[in-house]
Each structure stands twice: as C-alpha cells, then as structure tokens.
All heavy atoms as atom14 arrays in JSON, in Angstrom:
{
  "sequence": "FAEEISDESFGGYEQQLVFAALKYIQEHYPDASLDEL",
  "atom14_mask": [
    [1, 1, 1, 1, 1, 1, 1, 1, 1, 1, 1, 0, 0, 0],
    [1, 1, 1, 1, 1, 0, 0, 0, 0, 0, 0, 0, 0, 0],
    [1, 1, 1, 1, 1, 1, 1, 1, 1, 0, 0, 0, 0, 0],
    [1, 1, 1, 1, 1, 1, 1, 1, 1, 0, 0, 0, 0, 0],
    [1, 1, 1, 1, 1, 1, 1, 1, 0, 0, 0, 0, 0, 0],
    [1, 1, 1, 1, 1, 1, 0, 0, 0, 0, 0, 0, 0, 0],
    [1, 1, 1, 1, 1, 1, 1, 1, 0, 0, 0, 0, 0, 0],
    [1, 1, 1, 1, 1, 1, 1, 1, 1, 0, 0, 0, 0, 0],
    [1, 1, 1, 1, 1, 1, 0, 0, 0, 0, 0, 0, 0, 0],
    [1, 1, 1, 1, 1, 1, 1, 1, 1, 1, 1, 0, 0, 0],
    [1, 1, 1, 1, 0, 0, 0, 0, 0, 0, 0, 0, 0, 0],
    [1, 1, 1, 1, 0, 0, 0, 0, 0, 0, 0, 0, 0, 0],
    [1, 1, 1, 1, 1, 1, 1, 1, 1, 1, 1, 1, 0, 0],
    [1, 1, 1, 1, 1, 1, 1, 1, 1, 0, 0, 0, 0, 0],
    [1, 1, 1, 1, 1, 1, 1, 1, 1, 0, 0, 0, 0, 0],
    [1, 1, 1, 1, 1, 1, 1, 1, 1, 0, 0, 0, 0, 0],
    [1, 1, 1, 1, 1, 1, 1, 1, 0, 0, 0, 0, 0, 0],
    [1, 1, 1, 1, 1, 1, 1, 0, 0, 0, 0, 0, 0, 0],
    [1, 1, 1, 1, 1, 1, 1, 1, 1, 1, 1, 0, 0, 0],
    [1, 1, 1, 1, 1, 0, 0, 0, 0, 0, 0, 0, 0, 0],
    [1, 1, 1, 1, 1, 0, 0, 0, 0, 0, 0, 0, 0, 0],
    [1, 1, 1, 1, 1, 1, 1, 1, 0, 0, 0, 0, 0, 0],
    [1, 1, 1, 1, 1, 1, 1, 1, 1, 0, 0, 0, 0, 0],
    [1, 1, 1, 1, 1, 1, 1, 1, 1, 1, 1, 1, 0, 0],
    [1, 1, 1, 1, 1, 1, 1, 1, 0, 0, 0, 0, 0, 0],
    [1, 1, 1, 1, 1, 1, 1, 1, 1, 0, 0, 0, 0, 0],
    [1, 1, 1, 1, 1, 1, 1, 1, 1, 0, 0, 0, 0, 0],
    [1, 1, 1, 1, 1, 1, 1, 1, 1, 1, 0, 0, 0, 0],
    [1, 1, 1, 1, 1, 1, 1, 1, 1, 1, 1, 1, 0, 0],
    [1, 1, 1, 1, 1, 1, 1, 0, 0, 0, 0, 0, 0, 0],
    [1, 1, 1, 1, 1, 1, 1, 1, 0, 0, 0, 0, 0, 0],
    [1, 1, 1, 1, 1, 0, 0, 0, 0, 0, 0, 0, 0, 0],
    [1, 1, 1, 1, 1, 1, 0, 0, 0, 0, 0, 0, 0, 0],
    [1, 1, 1, 1, 1, 1, 1, 1, 0, 0, 0, 0, 0, 0],
    [1, 1, 1, 1, 1, 1, 1, 1, 0, 0, 0, 0, 0, 0],
    [1, 1, 1, 1, 1, 1, 1, 1, 1, 0, 0, 0, 0, 0],
    [1, 1, 1, 1, 1, 1, 1, 1, 0, 0, 0, 0, 0, 0]
  ],
  "atom14_positions": [
    [[6.58, 1.48, 0.36], [5.89, 2.48, 1.14], [4.46, 2.42, 1.25], [3.73, 3.27, 1.3], [6.34, 3.97, 0.79], [7.84, 4.23, 1.05], [8.83, 4.11, 0.09], [8.19, 4.69, 2.35], [10.15, 4.46, 0.47], [9.49, 4.96, 2.6], [10.49, 4.84, 1.68], [0.0, 0.0, 0.0], [0.0, 0.0, 0.0], [0.0, 0.0, 0.0]],
    [[3.97, 1.23, 1.08], [2.49, 1.03, 1.0], [1.84, 1.59, 2.14], [0.55, 2.08, 1.97], [2.22, -0.44, 0.87], [0.0, 0.0, 0.0], [0.0, 0.0, 0.0], [0.0, 0.0, 0.0], [0.0, 0.0, 0.0], [0.0, 0.0, 0.0], [0.0, 0.0, 0.0], [0.0, 0.0, 0.0], [0.0, 0.0, 0.0], [0.0, 0.0, 0.0]],
    [[2.31, 1.52, 3.34], [1.57, 2.07, 4.63], [1.41, 3.53, 4.34], [0.38, 4.06, 4.84], [2.44, 1.85, 5.78], [2.28, 0.44, 6.3], [0.85, 0.23, 6.76], [0.16, 1.02, 7.32], [0.37, -0.93, 6.42], [0.0, 0.0, 0.0], [0.0, 0.0, 0.0], [0.0, 0.0, 0.0], [0.0, 0.0, 0.0], [0.0, 0.0, 0.0]],
    [[2.25, 4.29, 3.75], [2.14, 5.66, 3.45], [1.23, 6.13, 2.36], [0.92, 7.22, 2.12], [3.55, 6.5, 3.25], [4.42, 6.43, 4.49], [5.12, 5.17, 4.9], [4.94, 4.24, 4.1], [5.87, 5.24, 5.87], [0.0, 0.0, 0.0], [0.0, 0.0, 0.0], [0.0, 0.0, 0.0], [0.0, 0.0, 0.0], [0.0, 0.0, 0.0]],
    [[0.87, 5.1, 1.53], [0.09, 5.34, 0.36], [-1.33, 5.11, 0.72], [-1.75, 4.08, 1.26], [0.4, 4.39, -0.81], [1.91, 4.72, -1.28], [-0.52, 4.59, -1.96], [2.44, 3.7, -2.3], [0.0, 0.0, 0.0], [0.0, 0.0, 0.0], [0.0, 0.0, 0.0], [0.0, 0.0, 0.0], [0.0, 0.0, 0.0], [0.0, 0.0, 0.0]],
    [[-2.16, 6.12, 0.56], [-3.63, 6.06, 0.95], [-4.36, 5.02, 0.05], [-4.19, 4.98, -1.11], [-4.27, 7.46, 0.82], [-5.64, 7.35, 0.98], [0.0, 0.0, 0.0], [0.0, 0.0, 0.0], [0.0, 0.0, 0.0], [0.0, 0.0, 0.0], [0.0, 0.0, 0.0], [0.0, 0.0, 0.0], [0.0, 0.0, 0.0], [0.0, 0.0, 0.0]],
    [[-5.27, 4.28, 0.69], [-6.15, 3.51, -0.01], [-7.01, 4.26, -1.03], [-7.45, 3.82, -2.01], [-7.12, 2.74, 0.89], [-6.41, 1.89, 1.85], [-5.24, 1.53, 1.66], [-6.88, 1.61, 3.0], [0.0, 0.0, 0.0], [0.0, 0.0, 0.0], [0.0, 0.0, 0.0], [0.0, 0.0, 0.0], [0.0, 0.0, 0.0], [0.0, 0.0, 0.0]],
    [[-7.23, 5.58, -0.77], [-7.95, 6.48, -1.65], [-7.23, 6.81, -2.89], [-7.64, 7.56, -3.72], [-8.38, 7.73, -0.99], [-9.35, 7.43, 0.31], [-9.66, 8.69, 1.06], [-9.19, 9.74, 0.78], [-10.48, 8.55, 2.05], [0.0, 0.0, 0.0], [0.0, 0.0, 0.0], [0.0, 0.0, 0.0], [0.0, 0.0, 0.0], [0.0, 0.0, 0.0]],
    [[-5.97, 6.27, -3.04], [-5.3, 6.63, -4.23], [-5.88, 5.94, -5.41], [-5.7, 6.5, -6.54], [-3.74, 5.87, -4.07], [-3.07, 6.46, -3.11], [0.0, 0.0, 0.0], [0.0, 0.0, 0.0], [0.0, 0.0, 0.0], [0.0, 0.0, 0.0], [0.0, 0.0, 0.0], [0.0, 0.0, 0.0], [0.0, 0.0, 0.0], [0.0, 0.0, 0.0]],
    [[-6.73, 5.03, -5.23], [-7.38, 4.25, -6.26], [-8.79, 4.83, -6.58], [-9.51, 5.12, -5.61], [-7.49, 2.75, -6.05], [-6.24, 2.05, -6.07], [-5.38, 2.07, -4.93], [-5.81, 1.42, -7.21], [-4.15, 1.44, -5.01], [-4.5, 0.75, -7.24], [-3.73, 0.79, -6.2], [0.0, 0.0, 0.0], [0.0, 0.0, 0.0], [0.0, 0.0, 0.0]],
    [[-9.09, 5.07, -7.84], [-10.43, 5.61, -8.08], [-11.52, 4.53, -7.92], [-11.38, 3.5, -8.39], [0.0, 0.0, 0.0], [0.0, 0.0, 0.0], [0.0, 0.0, 0.0], [0.0, 0.0, 0.0], [0.0, 0.0, 0.0], [0.0, 0.0, 0.0], [0.0, 0.0, 0.0], [0.0, 0.0, 0.0], [0.0, 0.0, 0.0], [0.0, 0.0, 0.0]],
    [[-12.53, 4.93, -7.0], [-13.55, 3.95, -6.82], [-13.44, 3.2, -5.56], [-12.28, 2.75, -5.18], [0.0, 0.0, 0.0], [0.0, 0.0, 0.0], [0.0, 0.0, 0.0], [0.0, 0.0, 0.0], [0.0, 0.0, 0.0], [0.0, 0.0, 0.0], [0.0, 0.0, 0.0], [0.0, 0.0, 0.0], [0.0, 0.0, 0.0], [0.0, 0.0, 0.0]],
    [[-14.52, 3.01, -4.85], [-14.57, 2.37, -3.54], [-14.06, 0.9, -3.6], [-13.34, 0.47, -2.78], [-16.0, 2.39, -3.02], [-16.16, 1.92, -1.67], [-15.5, 2.35, -0.58], [-17.0, 0.7, -1.45], [-15.59, 1.81, 0.62], [-17.1, 0.08, -0.18], [-16.48, 0.63, 0.85], [-16.64, 0.01, 2.16], [0.0, 0.0, 0.0], [0.0, 0.0, 0.0]],
    [[-14.44, 0.13, -4.72], [-14.1, -1.23, -4.72], [-12.57, -1.34, -4.89], [-11.97, -2.11, -4.22], [-14.78, -1.91, -5.9], [-16.27, -2.2, -5.77], [-16.85, -3.03, -6.83], [-16.15, -3.18, -7.88], [-18.01, -3.46, -6.65], [0.0, 0.0, 0.0], [0.0, 0.0, 0.0], [0.0, 0.0, 0.0], [0.0, 0.0, 0.0], [0.0, 0.0, 0.0]],
    [[-11.95, -0.43, -5.71], [-10.58, -0.55, -5.92], [-9.89, -0.18, -4.62], [-8.69, -0.72, -4.35], [-10.09, 0.4, -7.08], [-10.62, -0.02, -8.42], [-11.89, 0.8, -8.76], [-12.75, 0.98, -7.91], [-12.02, 1.24, -10.03], [0.0, 0.0, 0.0], [0.0, 0.0, 0.0], [0.0, 0.0, 0.0], [0.0, 0.0, 0.0], [0.0, 0.0, 0.0]],
    [[-10.36, 0.74, -3.87], [-9.68, 1.15, -2.56], [-9.73, -0.01, -1.6], [-8.85, -0.3, -0.96], [-10.53, 2.42, -1.96], [-10.28, 3.58, -2.75], [-11.18, 4.68, -2.32], [-11.85, 4.56, -1.29], [-11.47, 5.61, -3.17], [0.0, 0.0, 0.0], [0.0, 0.0, 0.0], [0.0, 0.0, 0.0], [0.0, 0.0, 0.0], [0.0, 0.0, 0.0]],
    [[-10.9, -0.83, -1.59], [-10.91, -1.99, -0.7], [-10.04, -3.02, -1.21], [-9.35, -3.81, -0.32], [-12.4, -2.6, -0.78], [-13.46, -1.72, -0.03], [-14.79, -2.33, -0.21], [-13.1, -1.56, 1.45], [0.0, 0.0, 0.0], [0.0, 0.0, 0.0], [0.0, 0.0, 0.0], [0.0, 0.0, 0.0], [0.0, 0.0, 0.0], [0.0, 0.0, 0.0]],
    [[-9.84, -3.27, -2.52], [-8.84, -4.33, -2.98], [-7.48, -3.93, -2.61], [-6.78, -4.71, -2.14], [-9.01, -4.4, -4.5], [-7.88, -5.25, -5.08], [-10.3, -5.01, -4.97], [0.0, 0.0, 0.0], [0.0, 0.0, 0.0], [0.0, 0.0, 0.0], [0.0, 0.0, 0.0], [0.0, 0.0, 0.0], [0.0, 0.0, 0.0], [0.0, 0.0, 0.0]],
    [[-7.12, -2.64, -2.81], [-5.78, -2.21, -2.38], [-5.56, -2.44, -0.87], [-4.51, -2.91, -0.42], [-5.54, -0.8, -2.77], [-4.07, -0.24, -2.56], [-3.21, -0.71, -3.27], [-3.93, 0.56, -1.54], [-1.82, -0.18, -3.18], [-2.66, 1.06, -1.32], [-1.55, 0.74, -2.19], [0.0, 0.0, 0.0], [0.0, 0.0, 0.0], [0.0, 0.0, 0.0]],
    [[-6.55, -2.04, -0.06], [-6.38, -2.28, 1.44], [-6.29, -3.76, 1.75], [-5.48, -4.1, 2.61], [-7.6, -1.65, 2.06], [0.0, 0.0, 0.0], [0.0, 0.0, 0.0], [0.0, 0.0, 0.0], [0.0, 0.0, 0.0], [0.0, 0.0, 0.0], [0.0, 0.0, 0.0], [0.0, 0.0, 0.0], [0.0, 0.0, 0.0], [0.0, 0.0, 0.0]],
    [[-7.05, -4.55, 1.12], [-6.97, -6.04, 1.32], [-5.53, -6.7, 0.95], [-5.06, -7.35, 1.61], [-8.1, -6.76, 0.49], [0.0, 0.0, 0.0], [0.0, 0.0, 0.0], [0.0, 0.0, 0.0], [0.0, 0.0, 0.0], [0.0, 0.0, 0.0], [0.0, 0.0, 0.0], [0.0, 0.0, 0.0], [0.0, 0.0, 0.0], [0.0, 0.0, 0.0]],
    [[-5.12, -6.14, -0.16], [-3.84, -6.57, -0.61], [-2.68, -6.14, 0.37], [-1.7, -6.89, 0.52], [-3.51, -6.14, -2.17], [-4.36, -6.83, -3.11], [-4.16, -6.34, -4.46], [-4.21, -8.33, -3.2], [0.0, 0.0, 0.0], [0.0, 0.0, 0.0], [0.0, 0.0, 0.0], [0.0, 0.0, 0.0], [0.0, 0.0, 0.0], [0.0, 0.0, 0.0]],
    [[-2.78, -4.92, 0.86], [-1.79, -4.45, 1.76], [-1.85, -5.32, 3.0], [-0.82, -5.68, 3.55], [-2.08, -2.98, 2.17], [-1.6, -2.01, 1.15], [-1.36, -0.56, 1.8], [-2.58, -0.06, 2.31], [-2.45, 1.43, 2.86], [0.0, 0.0, 0.0], [0.0, 0.0, 0.0], [0.0, 0.0, 0.0], [0.0, 0.0, 0.0], [0.0, 0.0, 0.0]],
    [[-3.04, -5.67, 3.39], [-3.18, -6.46, 4.64], [-2.6, -7.85, 4.41], [-1.78, -8.36, 5.29], [-4.61, -6.6, 4.96], [-4.97, -7.7, 6.05], [-4.89, -7.27, 7.36], [-5.43, -8.96, 5.67], [-5.13, -8.34, 8.34], [-5.72, -9.91, 6.57], [-5.58, -9.61, 7.9], [-5.85, -10.6, 8.94], [0.0, 0.0, 0.0], [0.0, 0.0, 0.0]],
    [[-2.79, -8.47, 3.33], [-2.29, -9.85, 3.02], [-0.76, -9.7, 2.89], [-0.03, -10.63, 3.5], [-2.86, -10.43, 1.67], [-4.33, -10.7, 1.82], [-2.08, -11.67, 1.26], [-5.14, -11.12, 0.64], [0.0, 0.0, 0.0], [0.0, 0.0, 0.0], [0.0, 0.0, 0.0], [0.0, 0.0, 0.0], [0.0, 0.0, 0.0], [0.0, 0.0, 0.0]],
    [[-0.26, -8.7, 2.27], [1.18, -8.55, 2.08], [1.95, -8.42, 3.45], [2.96, -9.02, 3.57], [1.47, -7.24, 1.19], [2.87, -7.1, 0.87], [3.45, -8.18, -0.03], [2.65, -8.8, -0.87], [4.71, -8.42, 0.06], [0.0, 0.0, 0.0], [0.0, 0.0, 0.0], [0.0, 0.0, 0.0], [0.0, 0.0, 0.0], [0.0, 0.0, 0.0]],
    [[1.35, -7.72, 4.34], [2.08, -7.47, 5.56], [1.7, -8.36, 6.7], [2.51, -8.57, 7.56], [1.6, -6.05, 6.03], [2.07, -4.92, 5.02], [1.29, -3.61, 5.2], [0.57, -3.48, 6.23], [1.44, -2.8, 4.33], [0.0, 0.0, 0.0], [0.0, 0.0, 0.0], [0.0, 0.0, 0.0], [0.0, 0.0, 0.0], [0.0, 0.0, 0.0]],
    [[0.51, -9.06, 6.67], [0.07, -9.95, 7.79], [-0.12, -11.34, 7.42], [-0.8, -12.16, 8.21], [-1.22, -9.34, 8.38], [-1.12, -8.01, 8.86], [-0.48, -7.5, 9.99], [-1.6, -6.77, 8.23], [-0.59, -6.28, 10.14], [-1.27, -5.77, 9.16], [0.0, 0.0, 0.0], [0.0, 0.0, 0.0], [0.0, 0.0, 0.0], [0.0, 0.0, 0.0]],
    [[0.56, -11.77, 6.35], [0.26, -13.13, 5.67], [0.5, -14.32, 6.76], [-0.18, -15.26, 6.66], [1.12, -13.29, 4.51], [2.61, -13.35, 4.77], [3.24, -14.51, 5.05], [3.31, -12.23, 4.67], [4.67, -14.51, 5.24], [4.69, -12.22, 4.92], [5.3, -13.41, 5.19], [6.74, -13.28, 5.46], [0.0, 0.0, 0.0], [0.0, 0.0, 0.0]],
    [[1.49, -14.24, 7.65], [1.47, -15.5, 8.51], [0.29, -15.76, 9.35], [0.01, -16.97, 9.59], [2.72, -15.06, 9.45], [3.46, -14.01, 8.63], [2.38, -13.21, 7.9], [0.0, 0.0, 0.0], [0.0, 0.0, 0.0], [0.0, 0.0, 0.0], [0.0, 0.0, 0.0], [0.0, 0.0, 0.0], [0.0, 0.0, 0.0], [0.0, 0.0, 0.0]],
    [[-0.41, -14.77, 9.85], [-1.6, -15.02, 10.54], [-2.92, -14.29, 10.08], [-3.84, -14.01, 10.9], [-1.3, -14.74, 12.1], [-0.84, -13.31, 12.26], [-0.86, -12.48, 11.3], [-0.5, -12.98, 13.4], [0.0, 0.0, 0.0], [0.0, 0.0, 0.0], [0.0, 0.0, 0.0], [0.0, 0.0, 0.0], [0.0, 0.0, 0.0], [0.0, 0.0, 0.0]],
    [[-2.88, -13.83, 8.81], [-4.0, -13.1, 8.23], [-5.33, -13.96, 8.24], [-5.18, -15.21, 8.05], [-3.71, -12.63, 6.84], [0.0, 0.0, 0.0], [0.0, 0.0, 0.0], [0.0, 0.0, 0.0], [0.0, 0.0, 0.0], [0.0, 0.0, 0.0], [0.0, 0.0, 0.0], [0.0, 0.0, 0.0], [0.0, 0.0, 0.0], [0.0, 0.0, 0.0]],
    [[-6.38, -13.28, 8.37], [-7.75, -14.01, 8.3], [-8.68, -13.15, 7.62], [-8.68, -11.93, 7.77], [-8.28, -14.49, 9.63], [-8.76, -13.4, 10.37], [0.0, 0.0, 0.0], [0.0, 0.0, 0.0], [0.0, 0.0, 0.0], [0.0, 0.0, 0.0], [0.0, 0.0, 0.0], [0.0, 0.0, 0.0], [0.0, 0.0, 0.0], [0.0, 0.0, 0.0]],
    [[-9.62, -13.78, 6.77], [-10.64, -12.97, 6.2], [-11.57, -12.32, 7.14], [-12.06, -11.13, 7.03], [-11.47, -13.85, 5.15], [-12.51, -13.2, 4.39], [-12.02, -12.17, 3.45], [-13.3, -14.21, 3.53], [0.0, 0.0, 0.0], [0.0, 0.0, 0.0], [0.0, 0.0, 0.0], [0.0, 0.0, 0.0], [0.0, 0.0, 0.0], [0.0, 0.0, 0.0]],
    [[-11.82, -12.91, 8.3], [-12.74, -12.37, 9.31], [-12.09, -11.08, 9.9], [-12.77, -10.03, 10.01], [-12.94, -13.3, 10.41], [-13.94, -14.39, 10.03], [-14.68, -14.26, 9.04], [-13.89, -15.49, 10.79], [0.0, 0.0, 0.0], [0.0, 0.0, 0.0], [0.0, 0.0, 0.0], [0.0, 0.0, 0.0], [0.0, 0.0, 0.0], [0.0, 0.0, 0.0]],
    [[-10.82, -11.16, 10.15], [-10.08, -9.91, 10.69], [-10.1, -8.85, 9.67], [-10.33, -7.64, 10.04], [-8.7, -10.32, 11.16], [-7.93, -9.17, 11.74], [-6.47, -9.56, 12.18], [-5.59, -9.91, 11.22], [-6.34, -9.63, 13.34], [0.0, 0.0, 0.0], [0.0, 0.0, 0.0], [0.0, 0.0, 0.0], [0.0, 0.0, 0.0], [0.0, 0.0, 0.0]],
    [[-9.71, -9.09, 8.37], [-9.78, -8.09, 7.36], [-11.14, -7.46, 7.25], [-11.24, -6.27, 7.17], [-9.4, -8.69, 6.03], [-9.41, -7.91, 4.8], [-8.58, -6.67, 4.85], [-9.16, -8.71, 3.52], [0.0, 0.0, 0.0], [0.0, 0.0, 0.0], [0.0, 0.0, 0.0], [0.0, 0.0, 0.0], [0.0, 0.0, 0.0], [0.0, 0.0, 0.0]]
  ]
}
C-alpha cells in the first residue's frame, strides 16, 4: 500500500525523498529515469 503511505511518514526531509524515490523505482522501473524523478 505504498501509494497510500505518505512520504512524510519518515522523519526528516532526506528520508522522505529517499522513500519517494524508492516508491518511484519500485513502481516505474521499466521506464524510470533520474531526470523524471
């Protein structure tokens, strides 16, 4: 249920960005790009 879990679940801005990035890779891996992220 990662989509329903807020990135703000993690303490600290950096941790929130990491969680958002991992969600993006997990869900969009076939055509994911660092520029898009």
